[in-house]
Amino acid sequence: MSLAKSDILIDEFPEEPAAIQRLLELLRDATSRVGRREYRADRLYDLVRPSSYRVLIQILTSAVDKGMLNRTFRVLSSSGGGIGDFPAVKEIPLVLYDSRMGRDVEVSTDDIELIFVVQQ
């Protein structure tokens, strides 16, 4: 991870230095491991401990914009697990094949989960 990007993130959110530091440590740890690490926003909220959920989303959006992590929208099967990852909500089809159930299913907003991904 670029030190310059880290500094910009810290400068962008001066009221959240501890939360930014925790996020940067998490990103460093995740990038030192093999493969990719995925985090739901609520899990990142618990790990980063920002002042509010709104602030967390602002920080994460900025980190995504800076290429520090990726964001994906995962469609979940009603039988459990994901059945498709998409880079944007608008790219999610209204109907998607659910390989876990063996049939096409209509996708509702309740079936979509925001995931943040850190790759090595």
N, C-alpha and C. Protein backbone atom coordinates (compact mmCIF):
# COMPACT_ATOMS: atom_id res chain seq x y z
N MET A 1 0.85 -1.17 0.00
CA MET A 1 0.00 0.00 0.00
C MET A 1 0.90 1.23 0.00
N SER A 2 0.52 2.19 -0.81
CA SER A 2 1.29 3.41 -0.94
C SER A 2 1.18 4.29 0.31
N LEU A 3 2.33 4.74 0.79
CA LEU A 3 2.36 5.62 1.95
C LEU A 3 1.66 6.94 1.64
N ALA A 4 1.81 7.43 0.40
CA ALA A 4 1.16 8.68 0.01
C ALA A 4 -0.36 8.57 0.10
N LYS A 5 -0.90 7.43 -0.34
CA LYS A 5 -2.34 7.23 -0.25
C LYS A 5 -2.79 7.19 1.21
N SER A 6 -2.00 6.59 2.05
CA SER A 6 -2.32 6.54 3.49
C SER A 6 -2.35 7.94 4.08
N ASP A 7 -1.36 8.74 3.73
CA ASP A 7 -1.30 10.11 4.23
C ASP A 7 -2.49 10.94 3.76
N ILE A 8 -2.88 10.76 2.51
CA ILE A 8 -4.03 11.49 1.97
C ILE A 8 -5.30 11.10 2.73
N LEU A 9 -5.44 9.81 3.02
CA LEU A 9 -6.62 9.34 3.75
C LEU A 9 -6.64 9.95 5.16
N ILE A 10 -5.51 9.99 5.81
CA ILE A 10 -5.41 10.59 7.14
C ILE A 10 -5.73 12.08 7.08
N ASP A 11 -5.20 12.77 6.07
CA ASP A 11 -5.48 14.21 5.91
C ASP A 11 -6.95 14.48 5.59
N GLU A 12 -7.58 13.55 4.88
CA GLU A 12 -8.97 13.72 4.49
C GLU A 12 -9.94 13.58 5.67
N PHE A 13 -9.55 12.79 6.66
CA PHE A 13 -10.41 12.55 7.82
C PHE A 13 -9.63 12.82 9.11
N PRO A 14 -9.26 14.08 9.35
CA PRO A 14 -8.44 14.40 10.51
C PRO A 14 -9.14 14.16 11.85
N GLU A 15 -10.47 14.09 11.83
CA GLU A 15 -11.22 13.85 13.06
C GLU A 15 -11.27 12.37 13.42
N GLU A 16 -10.73 11.51 12.55
CA GLU A 16 -10.79 10.06 12.76
C GLU A 16 -9.41 9.40 12.73
N PRO A 17 -8.40 9.96 13.40
CA PRO A 17 -7.05 9.39 13.27
C PRO A 17 -6.93 7.95 13.77
N ALA A 18 -7.59 7.63 14.87
CA ALA A 18 -7.48 6.27 15.41
C ALA A 18 -8.18 5.27 14.48
N ALA A 19 -9.34 5.64 13.96
CA ALA A 19 -10.06 4.75 13.05
C ALA A 19 -9.27 4.53 11.76
N ILE A 20 -8.69 5.60 11.23
CA ILE A 20 -7.87 5.48 10.02
C ILE A 20 -6.68 4.57 10.29
N GLN A 21 -6.04 4.76 11.42
CA GLN A 21 -4.88 3.93 11.78
C GLN A 21 -5.27 2.46 11.87
N ARG A 22 -6.41 2.18 12.48
CA ARG A 22 -6.88 0.79 12.58
C ARG A 22 -7.17 0.21 11.20
N LEU A 23 -7.76 1.02 10.31
CA LEU A 23 -8.03 0.55 8.95
C LEU A 23 -6.72 0.27 8.22
N LEU A 24 -5.76 1.16 8.33
CA LEU A 24 -4.48 0.97 7.66
C LEU A 24 -3.76 -0.28 8.16
N GLU A 25 -3.82 -0.53 9.47
CA GLU A 25 -3.23 -1.75 10.03
C GLU A 25 -3.93 -2.99 9.49
N LEU A 26 -5.24 -2.93 9.41
CA LEU A 26 -6.01 -4.05 8.87
C LEU A 26 -5.63 -4.30 7.41
N LEU A 27 -5.49 -3.24 6.62
CA LEU A 27 -5.11 -3.38 5.22
C LEU A 27 -3.70 -3.96 5.08
N ARG A 28 -2.78 -3.48 5.91
CA ARG A 28 -1.40 -4.02 5.88
C ARG A 28 -1.39 -5.50 6.23
N ASP A 29 -2.14 -5.86 7.26
CA ASP A 29 -2.21 -7.25 7.68
C ASP A 29 -2.83 -8.11 6.58
N ALA A 30 -3.90 -7.64 5.99
CA ALA A 30 -4.59 -8.41 4.95
C ALA A 30 -3.72 -8.58 3.71
N THR A 31 -2.95 -7.56 3.35
CA THR A 31 -2.11 -7.67 2.16
C THR A 31 -0.89 -8.54 2.40
N SER A 32 -0.54 -8.79 3.66
CA SER A 32 0.61 -9.65 3.94
C SER A 32 0.23 -11.13 3.87
N ARG A 33 -1.05 -11.42 3.78
CA ARG A 33 -1.52 -12.80 3.70
C ARG A 33 -1.71 -13.22 2.25
N VAL A 34 -1.68 -14.50 2.01
CA VAL A 34 -1.89 -15.03 0.67
C VAL A 34 -3.38 -14.95 0.33
N GLY A 35 -3.68 -14.58 -0.91
CA GLY A 35 -5.06 -14.54 -1.36
C GLY A 35 -5.73 -13.22 -1.06
N ARG A 36 -7.03 -13.27 -1.04
CA ARG A 36 -7.80 -12.06 -0.79
C ARG A 36 -8.58 -12.18 0.50
N ARG A 37 -8.79 -11.04 1.14
CA ARG A 37 -9.57 -10.97 2.38
C ARG A 37 -10.82 -10.16 2.07
N GLU A 38 -11.95 -10.64 2.56
CA GLU A 38 -13.21 -9.97 2.35
C GLU A 38 -13.81 -9.55 3.69
N TYR A 39 -14.42 -8.36 3.67
CA TYR A 39 -15.04 -7.84 4.89
C TYR A 39 -16.39 -7.23 4.55
N ARG A 40 -17.39 -7.54 5.34
CA ARG A 40 -18.67 -6.85 5.25
C ARG A 40 -18.50 -5.51 5.97
N ALA A 41 -19.32 -4.55 5.60
CA ALA A 41 -19.22 -3.21 6.21
C ALA A 41 -19.44 -3.25 7.71
N ASP A 42 -20.37 -4.09 8.18
CA ASP A 42 -20.61 -4.15 9.62
C ASP A 42 -19.40 -4.73 10.36
N ARG A 43 -18.69 -5.66 9.74
CA ARG A 43 -17.47 -6.20 10.36
C ARG A 43 -16.37 -5.13 10.41
N LEU A 44 -16.25 -4.36 9.33
CA LEU A 44 -15.27 -3.28 9.32
C LEU A 44 -15.61 -2.22 10.37
N TYR A 45 -16.88 -1.98 10.57
CA TYR A 45 -17.30 -1.03 11.61
C TYR A 45 -16.80 -1.50 12.98
N ASP A 46 -16.93 -2.79 13.25
CA ASP A 46 -16.45 -3.35 14.52
C ASP A 46 -14.93 -3.27 14.65
N LEU A 47 -14.22 -3.50 13.55
CA LEU A 47 -12.75 -3.51 13.58
C LEU A 47 -12.14 -2.12 13.59
N VAL A 48 -12.70 -1.22 12.81
CA VAL A 48 -12.13 0.13 12.64
C VAL A 48 -12.61 1.09 13.74
N ARG A 49 -13.82 0.89 14.22
CA ARG A 49 -14.43 1.68 15.29
C ARG A 49 -14.42 3.20 15.02
N PRO A 50 -15.01 3.61 13.90
CA PRO A 50 -15.12 5.05 13.63
C PRO A 50 -16.21 5.67 14.49
N SER A 51 -16.36 6.98 14.39
CA SER A 51 -17.36 7.68 15.21
C SER A 51 -18.79 7.36 14.80
N SER A 52 -18.99 6.97 13.54
CA SER A 52 -20.33 6.59 13.09
C SER A 52 -20.22 5.69 11.86
N TYR A 53 -21.32 5.03 11.55
CA TYR A 53 -21.36 4.17 10.37
C TYR A 53 -21.24 5.02 9.11
N ARG A 54 -21.84 6.20 9.12
CA ARG A 54 -21.75 7.12 7.98
C ARG A 54 -20.30 7.49 7.69
N VAL A 55 -19.55 7.80 8.72
CA VAL A 55 -18.14 8.15 8.57
C VAL A 55 -17.36 6.95 8.01
N LEU A 56 -17.68 5.76 8.50
CA LEU A 56 -17.00 4.56 7.99
C LEU A 56 -17.21 4.44 6.48
N ILE A 57 -18.43 4.61 6.02
CA ILE A 57 -18.72 4.49 4.59
C ILE A 57 -17.97 5.56 3.80
N GLN A 58 -17.86 6.76 4.34
CA GLN A 58 -17.09 7.82 3.68
C GLN A 58 -15.62 7.43 3.59
N ILE A 59 -15.07 6.91 4.66
CA ILE A 59 -13.66 6.49 4.68
C ILE A 59 -13.44 5.36 3.69
N LEU A 60 -14.31 4.36 3.71
CA LEU A 60 -14.16 3.22 2.81
C LEU A 60 -14.33 3.62 1.35
N THR A 61 -15.25 4.53 1.08
CA THR A 61 -15.44 5.02 -0.30
C THR A 61 -14.18 5.72 -0.78
N SER A 62 -13.58 6.52 0.08
CA SER A 62 -12.34 7.21 -0.27
C SER A 62 -11.21 6.19 -0.49
N ALA A 63 -11.14 5.18 0.36
CA ALA A 63 -10.10 4.15 0.20
C ALA A 63 -10.29 3.38 -1.10
N VAL A 64 -11.53 3.12 -1.48
CA VAL A 64 -11.81 2.45 -2.75
C VAL A 64 -11.38 3.36 -3.90
N ASP A 65 -11.74 4.63 -3.84
CA ASP A 65 -11.37 5.59 -4.89
C ASP A 65 -9.85 5.69 -5.05
N LYS A 66 -9.11 5.49 -3.97
CA LYS A 66 -7.65 5.58 -4.00
C LYS A 66 -7.00 4.24 -4.34
N GLY A 67 -7.80 3.21 -4.56
CA GLY A 67 -7.27 1.91 -4.93
C GLY A 67 -6.69 1.12 -3.77
N MET A 68 -7.04 1.50 -2.55
CA MET A 68 -6.51 0.81 -1.38
C MET A 68 -7.26 -0.49 -1.10
N LEU A 69 -8.50 -0.56 -1.54
CA LEU A 69 -9.29 -1.78 -1.46
C LEU A 69 -10.36 -1.71 -2.53
N ASN A 70 -11.03 -2.83 -2.76
CA ASN A 70 -12.08 -2.91 -3.77
C ASN A 70 -13.42 -3.11 -3.10
N ARG A 71 -14.45 -2.76 -3.85
CA ARG A 71 -15.82 -2.93 -3.36
C ARG A 71 -16.54 -3.82 -4.37
N THR A 72 -17.33 -4.73 -3.85
CA THR A 72 -18.14 -5.58 -4.71
C THR A 72 -19.52 -5.75 -4.08
N PHE A 73 -20.50 -5.98 -4.93
CA PHE A 73 -21.86 -6.22 -4.46
C PHE A 73 -22.16 -7.69 -4.72
N ARG A 74 -22.39 -8.43 -3.65
CA ARG A 74 -22.60 -9.87 -3.73
C ARG A 74 -24.09 -10.18 -3.63
N VAL A 75 -24.56 -10.99 -4.57
CA VAL A 75 -25.94 -11.48 -4.52
C VAL A 75 -25.92 -12.79 -3.74
N LEU A 76 -26.77 -12.86 -2.73
CA LEU A 76 -26.82 -14.02 -1.86
C LEU A 76 -27.98 -14.94 -2.26
N SER A 77 -27.73 -16.23 -2.12
CA SER A 77 -28.76 -17.23 -2.34
C SER A 77 -29.62 -17.35 -1.09
N SER A 78 -30.90 -17.62 -1.25
CA SER A 78 -31.75 -17.84 -0.08
C SER A 78 -31.36 -19.13 0.64
N SER A 79 -30.60 -20.00 -0.03
CA SER A 79 -30.15 -21.23 0.62
C SER A 79 -28.78 -21.05 1.29
N GLY A 80 -28.24 -19.84 1.22
CA GLY A 80 -26.95 -19.54 1.87
C GLY A 80 -25.82 -19.39 0.86
N GLY A 81 -24.93 -18.46 1.12
CA GLY A 81 -23.77 -18.23 0.26
C GLY A 81 -24.05 -17.29 -0.89
N GLY A 82 -22.98 -16.90 -1.55
CA GLY A 82 -23.09 -15.97 -2.66
C GLY A 82 -23.27 -16.70 -3.98
N ILE A 83 -23.98 -16.04 -4.91
CA ILE A 83 -24.18 -16.63 -6.23
C ILE A 83 -23.68 -15.71 -7.34
N GLY A 84 -23.17 -14.54 -6.97
CA GLY A 84 -22.61 -13.64 -7.97
C GLY A 84 -22.07 -12.37 -7.35
N ASP A 85 -20.93 -11.92 -7.86
CA ASP A 85 -20.32 -10.66 -7.43
C ASP A 85 -20.33 -9.69 -8.59
N PHE A 86 -20.65 -8.42 -8.28
CA PHE A 86 -20.77 -7.41 -9.31
C PHE A 86 -20.09 -6.12 -8.85
N PRO A 87 -19.45 -5.39 -9.77
CA PRO A 87 -18.74 -4.17 -9.38
C PRO A 87 -19.65 -2.99 -9.05
N ALA A 88 -20.90 -3.05 -9.52
CA ALA A 88 -21.85 -1.96 -9.26
C ALA A 88 -23.25 -2.53 -9.17
N VAL A 89 -24.09 -1.88 -8.39
CA VAL A 89 -25.47 -2.34 -8.23
C VAL A 89 -26.19 -2.35 -9.58
N LYS A 90 -25.93 -1.36 -10.41
CA LYS A 90 -26.63 -1.27 -11.69
C LYS A 90 -26.27 -2.42 -12.63
N GLU A 91 -25.21 -3.15 -12.34
CA GLU A 91 -24.82 -4.29 -13.18
C GLU A 91 -25.43 -5.61 -12.71
N ILE A 92 -26.15 -5.59 -11.61
CA ILE A 92 -26.79 -6.81 -11.11
C ILE A 92 -28.06 -7.05 -11.92
N PRO A 93 -28.17 -8.23 -12.52
CA PRO A 93 -29.39 -8.51 -13.30
C PRO A 93 -30.59 -8.69 -12.39
N LEU A 94 -31.77 -8.50 -12.95
CA LEU A 94 -33.00 -8.68 -12.18
C LEU A 94 -33.25 -10.16 -11.88
N VAL A 95 -32.76 -11.02 -12.76
CA VAL A 95 -32.88 -12.47 -12.58
C VAL A 95 -31.49 -13.07 -12.73
N LEU A 96 -31.15 -13.96 -11.82
CA LEU A 96 -29.81 -14.56 -11.80
C LEU A 96 -29.95 -16.05 -11.54
N TYR A 97 -29.09 -16.83 -12.19
CA TYR A 97 -29.13 -18.27 -11.97
C TYR A 97 -28.50 -18.58 -10.61
N ASP A 98 -29.22 -19.26 -9.75
CA ASP A 98 -28.76 -19.67 -8.43
C ASP A 98 -28.29 -21.12 -8.54
N SER A 99 -26.98 -21.31 -8.64
CA SER A 99 -26.43 -22.65 -8.80
C SER A 99 -26.64 -23.51 -7.56
N ARG A 100 -26.86 -22.89 -6.43
CA ARG A 100 -27.10 -23.65 -5.20
C ARG A 100 -28.50 -24.27 -5.20
N MET A 101 -29.42 -23.58 -5.86
CA MET A 101 -30.80 -24.08 -5.91
C MET A 101 -31.14 -24.72 -7.26
N GLY A 102 -30.27 -24.48 -8.26
CA GLY A 102 -30.48 -25.06 -9.58
C GLY A 102 -31.57 -24.40 -10.40
N ARG A 103 -31.80 -23.09 -10.16
CA ARG A 103 -32.85 -22.40 -10.93
C ARG A 103 -32.60 -20.90 -10.92
N ASP A 104 -33.26 -20.22 -11.82
CA ASP A 104 -33.21 -18.76 -11.87
C ASP A 104 -34.02 -18.19 -10.71
N VAL A 105 -33.51 -17.10 -10.13
CA VAL A 105 -34.21 -16.43 -9.04
C VAL A 105 -34.26 -14.93 -9.32
N GLU A 106 -35.32 -14.30 -8.86
CA GLU A 106 -35.41 -12.85 -8.94
C GLU A 106 -34.54 -12.26 -7.84
N VAL A 107 -33.78 -11.24 -8.18
CA VAL A 107 -32.88 -10.60 -7.22
C VAL A 107 -33.60 -9.40 -6.60
N SER A 108 -33.64 -9.36 -5.28
CA SER A 108 -34.21 -8.20 -4.59
C SER A 108 -33.08 -7.51 -3.83
N THR A 109 -33.35 -6.31 -3.38
CA THR A 109 -32.32 -5.57 -2.64
C THR A 109 -31.92 -6.29 -1.36
N ASP A 110 -32.83 -7.08 -0.80
CA ASP A 110 -32.51 -7.85 0.41
C ASP A 110 -31.49 -8.94 0.15
N ASP A 111 -31.29 -9.29 -1.14
CA ASP A 111 -30.35 -10.35 -1.51
C ASP A 111 -28.95 -9.82 -1.79
N ILE A 112 -28.75 -8.51 -1.67
CA ILE A 112 -27.48 -7.89 -2.04
C ILE A 112 -26.71 -7.47 -0.80
N GLU A 113 -25.43 -7.84 -0.77
CA GLU A 113 -24.57 -7.50 0.36
C GLU A 113 -23.34 -6.75 -0.16
N LEU A 114 -22.98 -5.68 0.51
CA LEU A 114 -21.79 -4.90 0.16
C LEU A 114 -20.58 -5.55 0.81
N ILE A 115 -19.57 -5.85 0.00
CA ILE A 115 -18.35 -6.51 0.47
C ILE A 115 -17.15 -5.65 0.08
N PHE A 116 -16.21 -5.50 0.99
CA PHE A 116 -14.95 -4.82 0.70
C PHE A 116 -13.85 -5.86 0.64
N VAL A 117 -13.04 -5.77 -0.41
CA VAL A 117 -12.05 -6.80 -0.69
C VAL A 117 -10.64 -6.19 -0.68
N VAL A 118 -9.74 -6.89 0.03
CA VAL A 118 -8.33 -6.52 0.04
C VAL A 118 -7.59 -7.65 -0.64
N GLN A 119 -6.86 -7.32 -1.72
CA GLN A 119 -6.09 -8.33 -2.42
C GLN A 119 -4.61 -8.10 -2.18
N GLN A 120 -3.88 -9.19 -2.23
CA GLN A 120 -2.44 -9.11 -1.99
C GLN A 120 -1.76 -8.36 -3.09
